[in-house]
Full PDB file with SEQRES, HELIX, SHEET, SSBOND, CRYST1, ORIGX, SCALE, CONECT and MASTER records, all heavy atoms in Angstrom:
SEQRES   1 A   31  VAL LEU VAL PRO ARG VAL LEU GLU THR ALA VAL LEU GLY          
SEQRES   2 A   31  SER ALA ILE LEU GLY ALA VAL GLY ILE GLY VAL ALA SER          
SEQRES   3 A   31  ASP LEU THR ALA ALA                                          
HELIX    1 AA1 THR A    9  GLY A   21  1                                  13    
CRYST1    1.000    1.000    1.000  90.00  90.00  90.00 P 1           1          
ORIGX1      1.000000  0.000000  0.000000        0.00000                         
ORIGX2      0.000000  1.000000  0.000000        0.00000                         
ORIGX3      0.000000  0.000000  1.000000        0.00000                         
SCALE1      1.000000  0.000000  0.000000        0.00000                         
SCALE2      0.000000  1.000000  0.000000        0.00000                         
SCALE3      0.000000  0.000000  1.000000        0.00000                         
ATOM      1  N   VAL A   1       0.847  -1.154   0.058  1.00  0.00           N  
ATOM      2  CA  VAL A   1      -0.028   0.031  -0.051  1.00  0.00           C  
ATOM      3  C   VAL A   1       0.893   1.262   0.065  1.00  0.00           C  
ATOM      4  O   VAL A   1       1.785   1.312   0.778  1.00  0.00           O  
ATOM      5  CB  VAL A   1      -0.908   0.098   1.209  1.00  0.00           C  
ATOM      6  CG1 VAL A   1      -1.712   1.248   1.330  1.00  0.00           C  
ATOM      7  CG2 VAL A   1      -1.836  -1.199   1.329  1.00  0.00           C  
ATOM      8  N   LEU A   2       0.688   2.131  -0.960  1.00  0.00           N  
ATOM      9  CA  LEU A   2       1.372   3.347  -0.985  1.00  0.00           C  
ATOM     10  C   LEU A   2       0.511   4.458  -0.416  1.00  0.00           C  
ATOM     11  O   LEU A   2      -0.564   4.663  -0.771  1.00  0.00           O  
ATOM     12  CB  LEU A   2       1.679   3.757  -2.422  1.00  0.00           C  
ATOM     13  CG  LEU A   2       2.558   2.738  -3.190  1.00  0.00           C  
ATOM     14  CD1 LEU A   2       2.761   3.219  -4.625  1.00  0.00           C  
ATOM     15  CD2 LEU A   2       3.908   2.555  -2.585  1.00  0.00           C  
ATOM     16  N   VAL A   3       1.080   5.084   0.722  1.00  0.00           N  
ATOM     17  CA  VAL A   3       0.414   6.064   1.517  1.00  0.00           C  
ATOM     18  C   VAL A   3       0.804   7.434   0.962  1.00  0.00           C  
ATOM     19  O   VAL A   3       1.951   7.860   1.061  1.00  0.00           O  
ATOM     20  CB  VAL A   3       0.693   6.019   2.965  1.00  0.00           C  
ATOM     21  CG1 VAL A   3      -0.137   7.071   3.802  1.00  0.00           C  
ATOM     22  CG2 VAL A   3       0.354   4.559   3.473  1.00  0.00           C  
ATOM     23  N   PRO A   4      -0.148   8.184   0.385  1.00  0.00           N  
ATOM     24  CA  PRO A   4       0.225   9.611  -0.118  1.00  0.00           C  
ATOM     25  C   PRO A   4       0.710  10.494   0.928  1.00  0.00           C  
ATOM     26  O   PRO A   4       0.220  10.420   2.066  1.00  0.00           O  
ATOM     27  CB  PRO A   4      -1.048  10.006  -0.824  1.00  0.00           C  
ATOM     28  CG  PRO A   4      -2.150   9.284  -0.190  1.00  0.00           C  
ATOM     29  CD  PRO A   4      -1.614   7.912   0.242  1.00  0.00           C  
ATOM     30  N   ARG A   5       1.573  11.428   0.572  1.00  0.00           N  
ATOM     31  CA  ARG A   5       1.974  12.552   1.459  1.00  0.00           C  
ATOM     32  C   ARG A   5       0.787  13.278   1.972  1.00  0.00           C  
ATOM     33  O   ARG A   5       0.663  13.737   3.096  1.00  0.00           O  
ATOM     34  CB  ARG A   5       3.036  13.337   0.756  1.00  0.00           C  
ATOM     35  CG  ARG A   5       3.750  14.265   1.683  1.00  0.00           C  
ATOM     36  CD  ARG A   5       4.887  14.989   0.989  1.00  0.00           C  
ATOM     37  NE  ARG A   5       4.588  15.684  -0.173  1.00  0.00           N  
ATOM     38  CZ  ARG A   5       5.105  15.578  -1.403  1.00  0.00           C  
ATOM     39  NH1 ARG A   5       6.094  14.728  -1.583  1.00  0.00           N  
ATOM     40  NH2 ARG A   5       4.696  16.282  -2.501  1.00  0.00           N  
ATOM     41  N   VAL A   6      -0.147  13.636   1.057  1.00  0.00           N  
ATOM     42  CA  VAL A   6      -1.432  14.354   1.360  1.00  0.00           C  
ATOM     43  C   VAL A   6      -2.540  13.453   1.303  1.00  0.00           C  
ATOM     44  O   VAL A   6      -2.855  12.851   0.284  1.00  0.00           O  
ATOM     45  CB  VAL A   6      -1.623  15.570   0.433  1.00  0.00           C  
ATOM     46  CG1 VAL A   6      -2.878  16.339   0.726  1.00  0.00           C  
ATOM     47  CG2 VAL A   6      -0.412  16.606   0.502  1.00  0.00           C  
ATOM     48  N   LEU A   7      -3.233  13.215   2.449  1.00  0.00           N  
ATOM     49  CA  LEU A   7      -4.313  12.287   2.503  1.00  0.00           C  
ATOM     50  C   LEU A   7      -5.670  12.854   1.963  1.00  0.00           C  
ATOM     51  O   LEU A   7      -6.563  12.072   1.525  1.00  0.00           O  
ATOM     52  CB  LEU A   7      -4.518  11.815   3.983  1.00  0.00           C  
ATOM     53  CG  LEU A   7      -3.353  11.053   4.533  1.00  0.00           C  
ATOM     54  CD1 LEU A   7      -3.664  10.696   6.058  1.00  0.00           C  
ATOM     55  CD2 LEU A   7      -2.944   9.826   3.762  1.00  0.00           C  
ATOM     56  N   GLU A   8      -5.826  14.115   1.980  1.00  0.00           N  
ATOM     57  CA  GLU A   8      -7.080  14.753   1.471  1.00  0.00           C  
ATOM     58  C   GLU A   8      -7.011  14.897  -0.069  1.00  0.00           C  
ATOM     59  O   GLU A   8      -6.773  15.954  -0.557  1.00  0.00           O  
ATOM     60  CB  GLU A   8      -7.260  16.105   2.114  1.00  0.00           C  
ATOM     61  CG  GLU A   8      -7.506  16.006   3.619  1.00  0.00           C  
ATOM     62  CD  GLU A   8      -8.780  15.336   3.968  1.00  0.00           C  
ATOM     63  OE1 GLU A   8      -9.707  15.298   3.161  1.00  0.00           O  
ATOM     64  OE2 GLU A   8      -8.889  14.903   5.164  1.00  0.00           O  
ATOM     65  N   THR A   9      -7.163  13.764  -0.724  1.00  0.00           N  
ATOM     66  CA  THR A   9      -6.834  13.819  -2.190  1.00  0.00           C  
ATOM     67  C   THR A   9      -7.843  14.595  -3.044  1.00  0.00           C  
ATOM     68  O   THR A   9      -7.509  15.139  -4.085  1.00  0.00           O  
ATOM     69  CB  THR A   9      -6.774  12.348  -2.700  1.00  0.00           C  
ATOM     70  OG1 THR A   9      -7.954  11.677  -2.390  1.00  0.00           O  
ATOM     71  CG2 THR A   9      -5.522  11.589  -2.152  1.00  0.00           C  
ATOM     72  N   ALA A  10      -9.123  14.723  -2.647  1.00  0.00           N  
ATOM     73  CA  ALA A  10     -10.084  15.616  -3.349  1.00  0.00           C  
ATOM     74  C   ALA A  10      -9.674  16.974  -3.224  1.00  0.00           C  
ATOM     75  O   ALA A  10      -9.712  17.700  -4.308  1.00  0.00           O  
ATOM     76  CB  ALA A  10     -11.474  15.329  -2.842  1.00  0.00           C  
ATOM     77  N   VAL A  11      -9.234  17.471  -2.083  1.00  0.00           N  
ATOM     78  CA  VAL A  11      -8.850  18.823  -1.943  1.00  0.00           C  
ATOM     79  C   VAL A  11      -7.538  19.022  -2.697  1.00  0.00           C  
ATOM     80  O   VAL A  11      -7.312  20.138  -3.428  1.00  0.00           O  
ATOM     81  CB  VAL A  11      -8.622  19.109  -0.416  1.00  0.00           C  
ATOM     82  CG1 VAL A  11      -7.989  20.475  -0.270  1.00  0.00           C  
ATOM     83  CG2 VAL A  11      -9.902  19.033   0.330  1.00  0.00           C  
ATOM     84  N   LEU A  12      -6.579  18.060  -2.689  1.00  0.00           N  
ATOM     85  CA  LEU A  12      -5.371  18.175  -3.476  1.00  0.00           C  
ATOM     86  C   LEU A  12      -5.641  18.255  -4.935  1.00  0.00           C  
ATOM     87  O   LEU A  12      -5.022  19.073  -5.596  1.00  0.00           O  
ATOM     88  CB  LEU A  12      -4.427  16.965  -3.115  1.00  0.00           C  
ATOM     89  CG  LEU A  12      -3.074  16.915  -3.852  1.00  0.00           C  
ATOM     90  CD1 LEU A  12      -2.246  18.183  -3.549  1.00  0.00           C  
ATOM     91  CD2 LEU A  12      -2.437  15.653  -3.575  1.00  0.00           C  
ATOM     92  N   GLY A  13      -6.603  17.446  -5.492  1.00  0.00           N  
ATOM     93  CA  GLY A  13      -6.858  17.520  -6.854  1.00  0.00           C  
ATOM     94  C   GLY A  13      -7.403  18.925  -7.210  1.00  0.00           C  
ATOM     95  O   GLY A  13      -7.001  19.517  -8.322  1.00  0.00           O  
ATOM     96  N   SER A  14      -8.260  19.530  -6.342  1.00  0.00           N  
ATOM     97  CA  SER A  14      -8.691  20.913  -6.616  1.00  0.00           C  
ATOM     98  C   SER A  14      -7.547  21.863  -6.571  1.00  0.00           C  
ATOM     99  O   SER A  14      -7.520  22.817  -7.438  1.00  0.00           O  
ATOM    100  CB  SER A  14      -9.740  21.279  -5.632  1.00  0.00           C  
ATOM    101  OG  SER A  14     -10.856  20.403  -5.709  1.00  0.00           O  
ATOM    102  N   ALA A  15      -6.623  21.703  -5.704  1.00  0.00           N  
ATOM    103  CA  ALA A  15      -5.474  22.618  -5.602  1.00  0.00           C  
ATOM    104  C   ALA A  15      -4.518  22.492  -6.816  1.00  0.00           C  
ATOM    105  O   ALA A  15      -4.137  23.527  -7.386  1.00  0.00           O  
ATOM    106  CB  ALA A  15      -4.567  22.280  -4.421  1.00  0.00           C  
ATOM    107  N   ILE A  16      -4.431  21.233  -7.289  1.00  0.00           N  
ATOM    108  CA  ILE A  16      -3.667  20.968  -8.562  1.00  0.00           C  
ATOM    109  C   ILE A  16      -4.350  21.789  -9.779  1.00  0.00           C  
ATOM    110  O   ILE A  16      -3.716  22.458 -10.507  1.00  0.00           O  
ATOM    111  CB  ILE A  16      -3.529  19.493  -8.713  1.00  0.00           C  
ATOM    112  CG1 ILE A  16      -2.574  18.886  -7.737  1.00  0.00           C  
ATOM    113  CG2 ILE A  16      -3.076  19.214 -10.251  1.00  0.00           C  
ATOM    114  CD1 ILE A  16      -2.519  17.360  -7.869  1.00  0.00           C  
ATOM    115  N   LEU A  17      -5.642  21.658  -9.934  1.00  0.00           N  
ATOM    116  CA  LEU A  17      -6.303  22.254 -10.956  1.00  0.00           C  
ATOM    117  C   LEU A  17      -6.249  23.761 -10.821  1.00  0.00           C  
ATOM    118  O   LEU A  17      -6.008  24.504 -11.838  1.00  0.00           O  
ATOM    119  CB  LEU A  17      -7.821  21.768 -11.051  1.00  0.00           C  
ATOM    120  CG  LEU A  17      -7.972  20.381 -11.466  1.00  0.00           C  
ATOM    121  CD1 LEU A  17      -9.464  20.019 -11.343  1.00  0.00           C  
ATOM    122  CD2 LEU A  17      -7.471  20.057 -12.942  1.00  0.00           C  
ATOM    123  N   GLY A  18      -6.376  24.255  -9.673  1.00  0.00           N  
ATOM    124  CA  GLY A  18      -6.267  25.746  -9.344  1.00  0.00           C  
ATOM    125  C   GLY A  18      -4.899  26.263  -9.668  1.00  0.00           C  
ATOM    126  O   GLY A  18      -4.780  27.283 -10.268  1.00  0.00           O  
ATOM    127  N   ALA A  19      -3.797  25.423  -9.330  1.00  0.00           N  
ATOM    128  CA  ALA A  19      -2.469  25.911  -9.645  1.00  0.00           C  
ATOM    129  C   ALA A  19      -2.252  26.018 -11.131  1.00  0.00           C  
ATOM    130  O   ALA A  19      -1.664  26.989 -11.667  1.00  0.00           O  
ATOM    131  CB  ALA A  19      -1.434  24.935  -9.067  1.00  0.00           C  
ATOM    132  N   VAL A  20      -2.865  25.121 -11.953  1.00  0.00           N  
ATOM    133  CA  VAL A  20      -2.726  25.302 -13.398  1.00  0.00           C  
ATOM    134  C   VAL A  20      -3.569  26.408 -13.895  1.00  0.00           C  
ATOM    135  O   VAL A  20      -3.093  27.220 -14.747  1.00  0.00           O  
ATOM    136  CB  VAL A  20      -3.181  23.967 -14.105  1.00  0.00           C  
ATOM    137  CG1 VAL A  20      -3.222  24.088 -15.645  1.00  0.00           C  
ATOM    138  CG2 VAL A  20      -2.249  22.789 -13.709  1.00  0.00           C  
ATOM    139  N   GLY A  21      -4.760  26.604 -13.285  1.00  0.00           N  
ATOM    140  CA  GLY A  21      -5.728  27.634 -13.733  1.00  0.00           C  
ATOM    141  C   GLY A  21      -5.190  29.037 -13.521  1.00  0.00           C  
ATOM    142  O   GLY A  21      -5.362  29.885 -14.350  1.00  0.00           O  
ATOM    143  N   ILE A  22      -4.399  29.236 -12.505  1.00  0.00           N  
ATOM    144  CA  ILE A  22      -3.835  30.578 -12.230  1.00  0.00           C  
ATOM    145  C   ILE A  22      -2.357  30.741 -12.673  1.00  0.00           C  
ATOM    146  O   ILE A  22      -1.908  31.775 -12.527  1.00  0.00           O  
ATOM    147  CB  ILE A  22      -3.985  30.928 -10.706  1.00  0.00           C  
ATOM    148  CG1 ILE A  22      -3.082  30.038  -9.905  1.00  0.00           C  
ATOM    149  CG2 ILE A  22      -5.466  30.960 -10.262  1.00  0.00           C  
ATOM    150  CD1 ILE A  22      -2.938  30.564  -8.404  1.00  0.00           C  
ATOM    151  N   GLY A  23      -1.949  29.708 -13.363  1.00  0.00           N  
ATOM    152  CA  GLY A  23      -0.594  29.753 -13.922  1.00  0.00           C  
ATOM    153  C   GLY A  23       0.567  29.519 -13.044  1.00  0.00           C  
ATOM    154  O   GLY A  23       1.663  29.726 -13.443  1.00  0.00           O  
ATOM    155  N   VAL A  24       0.316  29.080 -11.755  1.00  0.00           N  
ATOM    156  CA  VAL A  24       1.420  28.726 -10.971  1.00  0.00           C  
ATOM    157  C   VAL A  24       2.180  27.475 -11.492  1.00  0.00           C  
ATOM    158  O   VAL A  24       3.389  27.407 -11.241  1.00  0.00           O  
ATOM    159  CB  VAL A  24       0.894  28.428  -9.491  1.00  0.00           C  
ATOM    160  CG1 VAL A  24       2.027  27.892  -8.560  1.00  0.00           C  
ATOM    161  CG2 VAL A  24       0.328  29.748  -8.897  1.00  0.00           C  
ATOM    162  N   ALA A  25       1.428  26.561 -12.030  1.00  0.00           N  
ATOM    163  CA  ALA A  25       2.016  25.404 -12.699  1.00  0.00           C  
ATOM    164  C   ALA A  25       1.718  25.453 -14.163  1.00  0.00           C  
ATOM    165  O   ALA A  25       0.628  25.938 -14.608  1.00  0.00           O  
ATOM    166  CB  ALA A  25       1.505  24.109 -12.133  1.00  0.00           C  
ATOM    167  N   SER A  26       2.706  25.032 -14.994  1.00  0.00           N  
ATOM    168  CA  SER A  26       2.585  25.140 -16.427  1.00  0.00           C  
ATOM    169  C   SER A  26       1.581  24.171 -17.010  1.00  0.00           C  
ATOM    170  O   SER A  26       0.917  24.506 -18.065  1.00  0.00           O  
ATOM    171  CB  SER A  26       4.011  24.921 -17.060  1.00  0.00           C  
ATOM    172  OG  SER A  26       4.421  23.671 -16.735  1.00  0.00           O  
ATOM    173  N   ASP A  27       1.365  23.019 -16.406  1.00  0.00           N  
ATOM    174  CA  ASP A  27       0.398  22.086 -16.909  1.00  0.00           C  
ATOM    175  C   ASP A  27       0.075  21.046 -15.771  1.00  0.00           C  
ATOM    176  O   ASP A  27       0.648  21.165 -14.774  1.00  0.00           O  
ATOM    177  CB  ASP A  27       0.861  21.394 -18.234  1.00  0.00           C  
ATOM    178  CG  ASP A  27       2.191  20.633 -18.010  1.00  0.00           C  
ATOM    179  OD1 ASP A  27       2.441  20.132 -16.872  1.00  0.00           O  
ATOM    180  OD2 ASP A  27       3.015  20.586 -18.954  1.00  0.00           O  
ATOM    181  N   LEU A  28      -0.919  20.275 -16.046  1.00  0.00           N  
ATOM    182  CA  LEU A  28      -1.353  19.303 -15.057  1.00  0.00           C  
ATOM    183  C   LEU A  28      -0.185  18.311 -14.579  1.00  0.00           C  
ATOM    184  O   LEU A  28      -0.004  18.054 -13.468  1.00  0.00           O  
ATOM    185  CB  LEU A  28      -2.434  18.408 -15.549  1.00  0.00           C  
ATOM    186  CG  LEU A  28      -3.879  19.100 -15.508  1.00  0.00           C  
ATOM    187  CD1 LEU A  28      -4.883  18.148 -16.123  1.00  0.00           C  
ATOM    188  CD2 LEU A  28      -4.285  19.377 -14.096  1.00  0.00           C  
ATOM    189  N   THR A  29       0.544  17.809 -15.547  1.00  0.00           N  
ATOM    190  CA  THR A  29       1.742  16.972 -15.224  1.00  0.00           C  
ATOM    191  C   THR A  29       2.761  17.587 -14.241  1.00  0.00           C  
ATOM    192  O   THR A  29       3.147  17.113 -13.258  1.00  0.00           O  
ATOM    193  CB  THR A  29       2.458  16.531 -16.488  1.00  0.00           C  
ATOM    194  OG1 THR A  29       1.375  15.802 -17.300  1.00  0.00           O  
ATOM    195  CG2 THR A  29       3.589  15.503 -16.123  1.00  0.00           C  
ATOM    196  N   ALA A  30       3.035  18.847 -14.579  1.00  0.00           N  
ATOM    197  CA  ALA A  30       3.915  19.594 -13.716  1.00  0.00           C  
ATOM    198  C   ALA A  30       3.359  19.877 -12.316  1.00  0.00           C  
ATOM    199  O   ALA A  30       4.076  19.671 -11.289  1.00  0.00           O  
ATOM    200  CB  ALA A  30       4.322  20.938 -14.311  1.00  0.00           C  
ATOM    201  N   ALA A  31       2.088  20.229 -12.293  1.00  0.00           N  
ATOM    202  CA  ALA A  31       1.435  20.428 -10.988  1.00  0.00           C  
ATOM    203  C   ALA A  31       1.355  19.119 -10.154  1.00  0.00           C  
ATOM    204  O   ALA A  31       1.621  19.164  -8.888  1.00  0.00           O  
ATOM    205  CB  ALA A  31       0.093  21.037 -11.182  1.00  0.00           C  
TER     206      ALA A  31                                                      
MASTER        0    0    0    1    0    0    0    6  205    1    0    3          
END                                                                             
């Protein structure tokens, strides 16, 4: 079992999309 560093994965997914949306990350893969 691989335990992720961040357990709140739904919130993390939103943060990833937000980072791409505001340009903090260049694309989804980078985020």
